[in-house]
Amino acid sequence: MIYMFANYFDTGRPVYHPKLMLKVLLYSYTEGILNCRNIKV
């Protein structure tokens, strides 16, 4: 499993912290945005 994560972190964009993602989702739900595609940064 470590091999899988080692390859994952070498490519693509950096990951977002899970707490940040949870805050964004909770905020969007309180604003009435229920579709993840409608969440804009």
PDB file of N, CA and C in Angstrom:
ATOM      1  N   MET A   1       0.825  -1.191   0.000  1.00  0.00           N
ATOM      2  CA  MET A   1       0.000   0.000   0.000  1.00  0.00           C
ATOM      3  C   MET A   1       0.868   1.252   0.000  1.00  0.00           C
ATOM      4  N   ILE A   2       1.987   1.226   0.658  1.00  0.00           N
ATOM      5  CA  ILE A   2       2.880   2.380   0.672  1.00  0.00           C
ATOM      6  C   ILE A   2       3.357   2.693  -0.737  1.00  0.00           C
ATOM      7  N   TYR A   3       3.582   1.651  -1.540  1.00  0.00           N
ATOM      8  CA  TYR A   3       4.008   1.839  -2.923  1.00  0.00           C
ATOM      9  C   TYR A   3       2.955   2.619  -3.714  1.00  0.00           C
ATOM     10  N   MET A   4       1.680   2.311  -3.469  1.00  0.00           N
ATOM     11  CA  MET A   4       0.604   2.991  -4.176  1.00  0.00           C
ATOM     12  C   MET A   4       0.587   4.479  -3.822  1.00  0.00           C
ATOM     13  N   PHE A   5       0.708   4.813  -2.549  1.00  0.00           N
ATOM     14  CA  PHE A   5       0.687   6.208  -2.141  1.00  0.00           C
ATOM     15  C   PHE A   5       1.943   6.946  -2.586  1.00  0.00           C
ATOM     16  N   ALA A   6       3.061   6.267  -2.638  1.00  0.00           N
ATOM     17  CA  ALA A   6       4.297   6.906  -3.083  1.00  0.00           C
ATOM     18  C   ALA A   6       4.158   7.354  -4.529  1.00  0.00           C
ATOM     19  N   ASN A   7       3.539   6.551  -5.375  1.00  0.00           N
ATOM     20  CA  ASN A   7       3.328   6.942  -6.768  1.00  0.00           C
ATOM     21  C   ASN A   7       2.258   8.009  -6.897  1.00  0.00           C
ATOM     22  N   TYR A   8       1.285   8.012  -6.026  1.00  0.00           N
ATOM     23  CA  TYR A   8       0.198   8.978  -6.093  1.00  0.00           C
ATOM     24  C   TYR A   8       0.697  10.392  -5.823  1.00  0.00           C
ATOM     25  N   PHE A   9       1.571  10.556  -4.863  1.00  0.00           N
ATOM     26  CA  PHE A   9       2.014  11.883  -4.460  1.00  0.00           C
ATOM     27  C   PHE A   9       3.012  12.503  -5.431  1.00  0.00           C
ATOM     28  N   ASP A  10       3.557  11.723  -6.344  1.00  0.00           N
ATOM     29  CA  ASP A  10       4.531  12.259  -7.282  1.00  0.00           C
ATOM     30  C   ASP A  10       3.895  12.957  -8.476  1.00  0.00           C
ATOM     31  N   THR A  11       2.627  12.736  -8.716  1.00  0.00           N
ATOM     32  CA  THR A  11       1.989  13.293  -9.900  1.00  0.00           C
ATOM     33  C   THR A  11       0.785  14.124  -9.517  1.00  0.00           C
ATOM     34  N   GLY A  12       0.392  15.005 -10.409  1.00  0.00           N
ATOM     35  CA  GLY A  12      -0.832  15.767 -10.211  1.00  0.00           C
ATOM     36  C   GLY A  12      -0.676  16.942  -9.266  1.00  0.00           C
ATOM     37  N   ARG A  13      -1.800  17.488  -8.913  1.00  0.00           N
ATOM     38  CA  ARG A  13      -1.831  18.642  -8.015  1.00  0.00           C
ATOM     39  C   ARG A  13      -1.709  18.195  -6.567  1.00  0.00           C
ATOM     40  N   PRO A  14      -1.260  19.087  -5.692  1.00  0.00           N
ATOM     41  CA  PRO A  14      -1.183  18.722  -4.277  1.00  0.00           C
ATOM     42  C   PRO A  14      -2.590  18.510  -3.693  1.00  0.00           C
ATOM     43  N   VAL A  15      -2.686  17.643  -2.714  1.00  0.00           N
ATOM     44  CA  VAL A  15      -3.979  17.326  -2.115  1.00  0.00           C
ATOM     45  C   VAL A  15      -4.396  18.433  -1.153  1.00  0.00           C
ATOM     46  N   TYR A  16      -5.704  18.566  -0.963  1.00  0.00           N
ATOM     47  CA  TYR A  16      -6.248  19.505   0.006  1.00  0.00           C
ATOM     48  C   TYR A  16      -6.397  18.798   1.346  1.00  0.00           C
ATOM     49  N   HIS A  17      -6.259  19.548   2.416  1.00  0.00           N
ATOM     50  CA  HIS A  17      -6.406  18.989   3.754  1.00  0.00           C
ATOM     51  C   HIS A  17      -7.873  18.603   3.970  1.00  0.00           C
ATOM     52  N   PRO A  18      -8.144  17.446   4.584  1.00  0.00           N
ATOM     53  CA  PRO A  18      -9.529  16.996   4.781  1.00  0.00           C
ATOM     54  C   PRO A  18     -10.387  17.981   5.579  1.00  0.00           C
ATOM     55  N   LYS A  19      -9.802  18.682   6.556  1.00  0.00           N
ATOM     56  CA  LYS A  19     -10.576  19.660   7.327  1.00  0.00           C
ATOM     57  C   LYS A  19     -11.045  20.810   6.439  1.00  0.00           C
ATOM     58  N   LEU A  20     -10.190  21.234   5.521  1.00  0.00           N
ATOM     59  CA  LEU A  20     -10.558  22.298   4.601  1.00  0.00           C
ATOM     60  C   LEU A  20     -11.698  21.851   3.696  1.00  0.00           C
ATOM     61  N   MET A  21     -11.626  20.630   3.189  1.00  0.00           N
ATOM     62  CA  MET A  21     -12.684  20.109   2.324  1.00  0.00           C
ATOM     63  C   MET A  21     -14.011  19.996   3.071  1.00  0.00           C
ATOM     64  N   LEU A  22     -13.961  19.576   4.326  1.00  0.00           N
ATOM     65  CA  LEU A  22     -15.177  19.470   5.128  1.00  0.00           C
ATOM     66  C   LEU A  22     -15.785  20.848   5.361  1.00  0.00           C
ATOM     67  N   LYS A  23     -14.957  21.848   5.637  1.00  0.00           N
ATOM     68  CA  LYS A  23     -15.456  23.207   5.836  1.00  0.00           C
ATOM     69  C   LYS A  23     -16.118  23.741   4.580  1.00  0.00           C
ATOM     70  N   VAL A  24     -15.525  23.489   3.435  1.00  0.00           N
ATOM     71  CA  VAL A  24     -16.105  23.950   2.168  1.00  0.00           C
ATOM     72  C   VAL A  24     -17.448  23.276   1.919  1.00  0.00           C
ATOM     73  N   LEU A  25     -17.536  21.970   2.163  1.00  0.00           N
ATOM     74  CA  LEU A  25     -18.797  21.263   1.962  1.00  0.00           C
ATOM     75  C   LEU A  25     -19.884  21.742   2.916  1.00  0.00           C
ATOM     76  N   LEU A  26     -19.541  21.917   4.182  1.00  0.00           N
ATOM     77  CA  LEU A  26     -20.535  22.393   5.148  1.00  0.00           C
ATOM     78  C   LEU A  26     -21.011  23.799   4.817  1.00  0.00           C
ATOM     79  N   TYR A  27     -20.093  24.659   4.416  1.00  0.00           N
ATOM     80  CA  TYR A  27     -20.476  26.021   4.039  1.00  0.00           C
ATOM     81  C   TYR A  27     -21.398  26.008   2.820  1.00  0.00           C
ATOM     82  N   SER A  28     -21.065  25.198   1.827  1.00  0.00           N
ATOM     83  CA  SER A  28     -21.892  25.159   0.622  1.00  0.00           C
ATOM     84  C   SER A  28     -23.285  24.612   0.930  1.00  0.00           C
ATOM     85  N   TYR A  29     -23.379  23.627   1.796  1.00  0.00           N
ATOM     86  CA  TYR A  29     -24.689  23.099   2.152  1.00  0.00           C
ATOM     87  C   TYR A  29     -25.524  24.134   2.898  1.00  0.00           C
ATOM     88  N   THR A  30     -24.896  24.933   3.756  1.00  0.00           N
ATOM     89  CA  THR A  30     -25.648  25.975   4.459  1.00  0.00           C
ATOM     90  C   THR A  30     -26.091  27.083   3.509  1.00  0.00           C
ATOM     91  N   GLU A  31     -25.371  27.270   2.424  1.00  0.00           N
ATOM     92  CA  GLU A  31     -25.740  28.264   1.420  1.00  0.00           C
ATOM     93  C   GLU A  31     -26.719  27.705   0.389  1.00  0.00           C
ATOM     94  N   GLY A  32     -27.065  26.432   0.493  1.00  0.00           N
ATOM     95  CA  GLY A  32     -28.032  25.821  -0.401  1.00  0.00           C
ATOM     96  C   GLY A  32     -27.438  25.230  -1.662  1.00  0.00           C
ATOM     97  N   ILE A  33     -26.134  25.078  -1.712  1.00  0.00           N
ATOM     98  CA  ILE A  33     -25.481  24.468  -2.866  1.00  0.00           C
ATOM     99  C   ILE A  33     -25.324  22.983  -2.568  1.00  0.00           C
ATOM    100  N   LEU A  34     -26.124  22.167  -3.246  1.00  0.00           N
ATOM    101  CA  LEU A  34     -26.128  20.745  -2.953  1.00  0.00           C
ATOM    102  C   LEU A  34     -25.355  19.930  -3.986  1.00  0.00           C
ATOM    103  N   ASN A  35     -24.934  20.547  -5.066  1.00  0.00           N
ATOM    104  CA  ASN A  35     -24.199  19.857  -6.114  1.00  0.00           C
ATOM    105  C   ASN A  35     -22.728  20.267  -6.034  1.00  0.00           C
ATOM    106  N   CYS A  36     -21.836  19.295  -5.972  1.00  0.00           N
ATOM    107  CA  CYS A  36     -20.414  19.604  -5.834  1.00  0.00           C
ATOM    108  C   CYS A  36     -19.857  20.345  -7.041  1.00  0.00           C
ATOM    109  N   ARG A  37     -20.447  20.170  -8.196  1.00  0.00           N
ATOM    110  CA  ARG A  37     -19.965  20.864  -9.393  1.00  0.00           C
ATOM    111  C   ARG A  37     -20.258  22.365  -9.331  1.00  0.00           C
ATOM    112  N   ASN A  38     -21.215  22.763  -8.517  1.00  0.00           N
ATOM    113  CA  ASN A  38     -21.565  24.173  -8.404  1.00  0.00           C
ATOM    114  C   ASN A  38     -20.709  24.918  -7.385  1.00  0.00           C
ATOM    115  N   ILE A  39     -19.881  24.223  -6.649  1.00  0.00           N
ATOM    116  CA  ILE A  39     -19.016  24.867  -5.661  1.00  0.00           C
ATOM    117  C   ILE A  39     -17.846  25.503  -6.406  1.00  0.00           C
ATOM    118  N   LYS A  40     -17.722  26.808  -6.295  1.00  0.00           N
ATOM    119  CA  LYS A  40     -16.641  27.543  -6.980  1.00  0.00           C
ATOM    120  C   LYS A  40     -15.688  28.082  -5.925  1.00  0.00           C
ATOM    121  N   VAL A  41     -14.446  28.176  -6.308  1.00  0.00           N
ATOM    122  CA  VAL A  41     -13.432  28.692  -5.384  1.00  0.00           C
ATOM    123  C   VAL A  41     -13.330  30.176  -5.545  1.00  0.00           C
TER     124      VAL A  41
END
